[in-house]
C-alpha atoms as a PDB file:
ATOM      1  CA  UNK A   1      98.329 -31.533  54.292  1.00  0.00           C
ATOM      2  CA  UNK A   2      97.701 -30.693  50.933  1.00  0.00           C
ATOM      3  CA  UNK A   3      95.067 -32.746  48.468  1.00  0.00           C
ATOM      4  CA  UNK A   4      97.406 -34.766  46.341  1.00  0.00           C
ATOM      5  CA  UNK A   5      99.518 -35.755  49.448  1.00  0.00           C
ATOM      6  CA  UNK A   6      95.756 -37.420  50.152  1.00  0.00           C
ATOM      7  CA  UNK A   7      95.216 -38.680  46.635  1.00  0.00           C
ATOM      8  CA  UNK A   8      98.737 -40.519  46.552  1.00  0.00           C
ATOM      9  CA  UNK A   9      97.726 -42.256  50.083  1.00  0.00           C
ATOM     10  CA  UNK A  10      93.761 -43.668  48.051  1.00  0.00           C
ATOM     11  CA  UNK A  11      96.017 -44.089  44.786  1.00  0.00           C
ATOM     12  CA  UNK A  12      98.435 -47.250  47.174  1.00  0.00           C
ATOM     13  CA  UNK A  13      95.519 -47.954  48.982  1.00  0.00           C
ATOM     14  CA  UNK A  14      93.427 -48.964  46.186  1.00  0.00           C
ATOM     15  CA  UNK A  15      96.397 -50.581  44.394  1.00  0.00           C
ATOM     16  CA  UNK A  16      96.640 -52.953  47.594  1.00  0.00           C
ATOM     17  CA  UNK A  17      93.124 -53.459  47.562  1.00  0.00           C
ATOM     18  CA  UNK A  18      93.298 -54.883  44.129  1.00  0.00           C
ATOM     19  CA  UNK A  19      96.391 -57.368  45.152  1.00  0.00           C
ATOM     20  CA  UNK A  20      94.018 -58.477  47.589  1.00  0.00           C
ATOM     21  CA  UNK A  21      96.085 -56.440  50.641  1.00  0.00           C
ATOM     22  CA  UNK A  22      93.224 -55.131  52.429  1.00  0.00           C
ATOM     23  CA  UNK A  23      95.334 -54.886  55.751  1.00  0.00           C
ATOM     24  CA  UNK A  24      97.605 -52.220  53.562  1.00  0.00           C
ATOM     25  CA  UNK A  25      94.496 -51.011  52.008  1.00  0.00           C
ATOM     26  CA  UNK A  26      92.626 -50.418  55.515  1.00  0.00           C
ATOM     27  CA  UNK A  27      96.217 -48.905  57.163  1.00  0.00           C
ATOM     28  CA  UNK A  28      95.641 -46.526  54.150  1.00  0.00           C
ATOM     29  CA  UNK A  29      92.099 -45.713  54.197  1.00  0.00           C
ATOM     30  CA  UNK A  30      92.389 -44.737  58.147  1.00  0.00           C
ATOM     31  CA  UNK A  31      95.180 -42.385  57.303  1.00  0.00           C
ATOM     32  CA  UNK A  32      93.516 -40.906  54.728  1.00  0.00           C
ATOM     33  CA  UNK A  33      90.132 -40.781  56.799  1.00  0.00           C
ATOM     34  CA  UNK A  34      91.414 -38.518  59.195  1.00  0.00           C
ATOM     35  CA  UNK A  35      93.898 -36.273  57.006  1.00  0.00           C
ATOM     36  CA  UNK A  36      90.140 -36.050  55.951  1.00  0.00           C
ATOM     37  CA  UNK A  37      88.959 -34.968  58.309  1.00  0.00           C
ATOM     38  CA  UNK A  38      91.420 -32.589  59.936  1.00  0.00           C
ATOM     39  CA  UNK A  39      91.744 -31.143  56.644  1.00  0.00           C
ATOM     40  CA  UNK A  40      88.153 -31.222  55.079  1.00  0.00           C
ATOM     41  CA  UNK A  41      86.434 -31.689  58.145  1.00  0.00           C
ATOM     42  CA  UNK A  42      83.994 -34.217  59.235  1.00  0.00           C
ATOM     43  CA  UNK A  43      81.252 -34.013  56.887  1.00  0.00           C
ATOM     44  CA  UNK A  44      82.604 -33.285  53.776  1.00  0.00           C
ATOM     45  CA  UNK A  45      81.999 -36.129  50.865  1.00  0.00           C
ATOM     46  CA  UNK A  46      85.178 -36.666  50.406  1.00  0.00           C
ATOM     47  CA  UNK A  47      85.282 -38.676  53.102  1.00  0.00           C
ATOM     48  CA  UNK A  48      82.290 -40.466  53.228  1.00  0.00           C
ATOM     49  CA  UNK A  49      84.262 -41.915  50.031  1.00  0.00           C
ATOM     50  CA  UNK A  50      86.633 -42.575  51.653  1.00  0.00           C
ATOM     51  CA  UNK A  51      84.926 -44.374  54.802  1.00  0.00           C
ATOM     52  CA  UNK A  52      82.271 -46.170  52.127  1.00  0.00           C
ATOM     53  CA  UNK A  53      85.829 -47.502  50.871  1.00  0.00           C
ATOM     54  CA  UNK A  54      87.393 -48.296  53.583  1.00  0.00           C
ATOM     55  CA  UNK A  55      83.550 -50.276  54.987  1.00  0.00           C
ATOM     56  CA  UNK A  56      84.356 -52.248  51.103  1.00  0.00           C
ATOM     57  CA  UNK A  57      87.910 -53.122  52.360  1.00  0.00           C
ATOM     58  CA  UNK A  58      86.776 -54.326  56.201  1.00  0.00           C
ATOM     59  CA  UNK A  59      83.997 -56.233  54.366  1.00  0.00           C
ATOM     60  CA  UNK A  60      86.502 -58.159  52.236  1.00  0.00           C
ATOM     61  CA  UNK A  61      88.882 -58.508  55.229  1.00  0.00           C
ATOM     62  CA  UNK A  62      85.446 -60.139  56.616  1.00  0.00           C
ATOM     63  CA  UNK A  63      86.607 -57.252  59.699  1.00  0.00           C
ATOM     64  CA  UNK A  64      82.284 -57.491  59.822  1.00  0.00           C
ATOM     65  CA  UNK A  65      81.949 -55.004  62.432  1.00  0.00           C
ATOM     66  CA  UNK A  66      84.668 -52.590  61.099  1.00  0.00           C
ATOM     67  CA  UNK A  67      82.427 -52.799  57.839  1.00  0.00           C
ATOM     68  CA  UNK A  68      79.673 -51.705  59.384  1.00  0.00           C
ATOM     69  CA  UNK A  69      80.708 -49.019  61.510  1.00  0.00           C
ATOM     70  CA  UNK A  70      82.613 -47.363  58.258  1.00  0.00           C
ATOM     71  CA  UNK A  71      79.115 -47.420  56.817  1.00  0.00           C
ATOM     72  CA  UNK A  72      77.097 -46.058  58.641  1.00  0.00           C
ATOM     73  CA  UNK A  73      79.611 -42.868  58.491  1.00  0.00           C
ATOM     74  CA  UNK A  74      79.494 -42.685  55.259  1.00  0.00           C
ATOM     75  CA  UNK A  75      75.966 -42.668  54.898  1.00  0.00           C
ATOM     76  CA  UNK A  76      75.910 -40.369  57.911  1.00  0.00           C
ATOM     77  CA  UNK A  77      78.015 -37.696  55.926  1.00  0.00           C
ATOM     78  CA  UNK A  78      76.945 -38.130  53.305  1.00  0.00           C
ATOM     79  CA  UNK A  79      72.782 -37.802  54.429  1.00  0.00           C
ATOM     80  CA  UNK A  80      74.011 -34.423  56.488  1.00  0.00           C
ATOM     81  CA  UNK A  81      76.358 -32.826  53.226  1.00  0.00           C
ATOM     82  CA  UNK A  82      74.649 -33.742  49.839  1.00  0.00           C
ATOM     83  CA  UNK A  83      71.611 -32.189  48.734  1.00  0.00           C
ATOM     84  CA  UNK A  84      68.745 -34.612  47.889  1.00  0.00           C
ATOM     85  CA  UNK A  85      68.605 -33.842  44.540  1.00  0.00           C
ATOM     86  CA  UNK A  86      72.747 -34.387  44.027  1.00  0.00           C
ATOM     87  CA  UNK A  87      72.898 -37.880  41.991  1.00  0.00           C
ATOM     88  CA  UNK A  88      75.361 -39.551  44.940  1.00  0.00           C
ATOM     89  CA  UNK A  89      73.310 -38.146  47.878  1.00  0.00           C
ATOM     90  CA  UNK A  90      70.761 -41.095  49.856  1.00  0.00           C
ATOM     91  CA  UNK A  91      67.565 -42.094  48.357  1.00  0.00           C
END
């Protein structure tokens, strides 16, 4: 799986979310996260971003339990993978 395929999935998820099709966006983001975890590892910042986007989609779909889970995963990865002085890192 190459990065362009994952990017295509992420782009499709963004289009679905922007048209309020949260079920499709969630499905696409879950697939992207699975592929990123397999290819990039479980502590990669790109995976944190995907989990954060997945949390937002779940929150908008009123799936708050999963939203909380994905926010925590994104925070954990960001805390583990980014330097403290990185602007994208935890503060």
